C-alpha atoms as a PDB file:
ATOM      1  CA  UNK A   1     101.233 -41.072  -6.727  1.00  0.00           C
ATOM      2  CA  UNK A   2     104.954 -41.159  -7.575  1.00  0.00           C
ATOM      3  CA  UNK A   3     107.299 -41.668  -4.698  1.00  0.00           C
ATOM      4  CA  UNK A   4     110.217 -39.227  -4.468  1.00  0.00           C
ATOM      5  CA  UNK A   5     113.517 -41.000  -4.086  1.00  0.00           C
ATOM      6  CA  UNK A   6     117.045 -39.723  -3.765  1.00  0.00           C
ATOM      7  CA  UNK A   7     119.252 -40.175  -6.821  1.00  0.00           C
ATOM      8  CA  UNK A   8     121.451 -43.233  -6.676  1.00  0.00           C
ATOM      9  CA  UNK A   9     125.102 -43.608  -7.493  1.00  0.00           C
ATOM     10  CA  UNK A  10     124.422 -44.530 -11.106  1.00  0.00           C
ATOM     11  CA  UNK A  11     121.719 -41.922 -11.625  1.00  0.00           C
ATOM     12  CA  UNK A  12     122.610 -39.839 -14.666  1.00  0.00           C
ATOM     13  CA  UNK A  13     120.550 -36.721 -15.334  1.00  0.00           C
ATOM     14  CA  UNK A  14     121.127 -33.790 -17.666  1.00  0.00           C
ATOM     15  CA  UNK A  15     122.402 -31.687 -14.789  1.00  0.00           C
ATOM     16  CA  UNK A  16     124.942 -34.262 -13.620  1.00  0.00           C
ATOM     17  CA  UNK A  17     126.093 -34.886 -17.194  1.00  0.00           C
ATOM     18  CA  UNK A  18     126.735 -31.194 -17.797  1.00  0.00           C
ATOM     19  CA  UNK A  19     128.442 -30.841 -14.442  1.00  0.00           C
ATOM     20  CA  UNK A  20     130.751 -33.793 -15.109  1.00  0.00           C
ATOM     21  CA  UNK A  21     131.579 -32.537 -18.611  1.00  0.00           C
ATOM     22  CA  UNK A  22     132.342 -29.074 -17.224  1.00  0.00           C
ATOM     23  CA  UNK A  23     134.807 -30.473 -14.707  1.00  0.00           C
ATOM     24  CA  UNK A  24     136.316 -32.770 -17.317  1.00  0.00           C
ATOM     25  CA  UNK A  25     136.907 -29.702 -19.509  1.00  0.00           C
ATOM     26  CA  UNK A  26     138.532 -27.889 -16.588  1.00  0.00           C
ATOM     27  CA  UNK A  27     140.745 -30.883 -15.849  1.00  0.00           C
ATOM     28  CA  UNK A  28     141.801 -31.212 -19.486  1.00  0.00           C
ATOM     29  CA  UNK A  29     142.396 -27.457 -19.707  1.00  0.00           C
ATOM     30  CA  UNK A  30     144.656 -27.455 -16.659  1.00  0.00           C
ATOM     31  CA  UNK A  31     146.500 -30.497 -17.997  1.00  0.00           C
ATOM     32  CA  UNK A  32     147.019 -28.768 -21.335  1.00  0.00           C
ATOM     33  CA  UNK A  33     148.393 -25.658 -19.638  1.00  0.00           C
ATOM     34  CA  UNK A  34     150.740 -27.671 -17.434  1.00  0.00           C
ATOM     35  CA  UNK A  35     152.053 -29.806 -20.295  1.00  0.00           C
ATOM     36  CA  UNK A  36     152.603 -26.753 -22.467  1.00  0.00           C
ATOM     37  CA  UNK A  37     154.626 -24.982 -19.798  1.00  0.00           C
ATOM     38  CA  UNK A  38     156.643 -28.091 -18.914  1.00  0.00           C
ATOM     39  CA  UNK A  39     157.445 -28.717 -22.578  1.00  0.00           C
ATOM     40  CA  UNK A  40     158.634 -25.132 -22.879  1.00  0.00           C
ATOM     41  CA  UNK A  41     160.845 -25.555 -19.826  1.00  0.00           C
ATOM     42  CA  UNK A  42     162.372 -28.703 -21.418  1.00  0.00           C
ATOM     43  CA  UNK A  43     163.140 -26.644 -24.545  1.00  0.00           C
ATOM     44  CA  UNK A  44     160.993 -28.696 -26.877  1.00  0.00           C
ATOM     45  CA  UNK A  45     160.658 -26.835 -30.140  1.00  0.00           C
ATOM     46  CA  UNK A  46     157.128 -27.144 -31.448  1.00  0.00           C
ATOM     47  CA  UNK A  47     154.272 -24.992 -32.635  1.00  0.00           C
ATOM     48  CA  UNK A  48     151.898 -26.939 -30.411  1.00  0.00           C
ATOM     49  CA  UNK A  49     153.199 -25.370 -27.194  1.00  0.00           C
ATOM     50  CA  UNK A  50     151.410 -22.084 -27.751  1.00  0.00           C
ATOM     51  CA  UNK A  51     148.328 -23.865 -29.019  1.00  0.00           C
ATOM     52  CA  UNK A  52     148.240 -26.002 -25.880  1.00  0.00           C
ATOM     53  CA  UNK A  53     148.410 -22.890 -23.737  1.00  0.00           C
ATOM     54  CA  UNK A  54     145.634 -21.179 -25.668  1.00  0.00           C
ATOM     55  CA  UNK A  55     143.345 -24.227 -25.777  1.00  0.00           C
ATOM     56  CA  UNK A  56     143.861 -24.880 -22.085  1.00  0.00           C
ATOM     57  CA  UNK A  57     143.018 -21.309 -21.175  1.00  0.00           C
ATOM     58  CA  UNK A  58     139.949 -21.293 -23.389  1.00  0.00           C
ATOM     59  CA  UNK A  59     138.744 -24.525 -21.813  1.00  0.00           C
ATOM     60  CA  UNK A  60     138.897 -22.793 -18.432  1.00  0.00           C
ATOM     61  CA  UNK A  61     136.865 -19.854 -19.761  1.00  0.00           C
ATOM     62  CA  UNK A  62     133.877 -22.189 -19.984  1.00  0.00           C
ATOM     63  CA  UNK A  63     133.981 -22.790 -16.222  1.00  0.00           C
ATOM     64  CA  UNK A  64     134.830 -19.245 -15.133  1.00  0.00           C
ATOM     65  CA  UNK A  65     135.584 -16.377 -17.495  1.00  0.00           C
ATOM     66  CA  UNK A  66     138.076 -14.494 -15.334  1.00  0.00           C
ATOM     67  CA  UNK A  67     139.886 -17.666 -14.259  1.00  0.00           C
ATOM     68  CA  UNK A  68     140.374 -18.616 -17.907  1.00  0.00           C
ATOM     69  CA  UNK A  69     141.576 -15.169 -18.911  1.00  0.00           C
ATOM     70  CA  UNK A  70     143.860 -15.063 -15.885  1.00  0.00           C
ATOM     71  CA  UNK A  71     145.301 -18.442 -16.839  1.00  0.00           C
ATOM     72  CA  UNK A  72     145.946 -17.188 -20.376  1.00  0.00           C
ATOM     73  CA  UNK A  73     147.713 -14.051 -19.157  1.00  0.00           C
ATOM     74  CA  UNK A  74     149.685 -15.812 -16.423  1.00  0.00           C
ATOM     75  CA  UNK A  75     150.618 -18.685 -18.731  1.00  0.00           C
ATOM     76  CA  UNK A  76     151.779 -16.254 -21.415  1.00  0.00           C
ATOM     77  CA  UNK A  77     153.939 -14.358 -18.929  1.00  0.00           C
ATOM     78  CA  UNK A  78     155.487 -17.602 -17.640  1.00  0.00           C
ATOM     79  CA  UNK A  79     156.022 -18.808 -21.222  1.00  0.00           C
ATOM     80  CA  UNK A  80     157.797 -15.566 -22.146  1.00  0.00           C
ATOM     81  CA  UNK A  81     159.884 -15.640 -18.962  1.00  0.00           C
ATOM     82  CA  UNK A  82     161.035 -19.189 -19.722  1.00  0.00           C
ATOM     83  CA  UNK A  83     161.886 -18.251 -23.327  1.00  0.00           C
ATOM     84  CA  UNK A  84     163.822 -15.133 -22.241  1.00  0.00           C
ATOM     85  CA  UNK A  85     165.708 -17.106 -19.584  1.00  0.00           C
ATOM     86  CA  UNK A  86     166.703 -19.709 -22.176  1.00  0.00           C
ATOM     87  CA  UNK A  87     168.088 -16.952 -24.369  1.00  0.00           C
END
């Protein structure tokens, strides 16, 4: 008979791998959103700013659909407000 043991610190199952990848995607998505908005505030002129915002929001959609869509809408509004303020 197999003895049931609790998973150890280095135990790596499919469920823990997917969970860690999900949170890594969320972390990278939030980082992408933050860097995109900070680069816009510093008046960096690049096509990658909008792409960073979009990719960050879409990475959050994987974790929670409405959180990702909310981040896209809120990020777009903040991006437009910064651009209008800059003139």
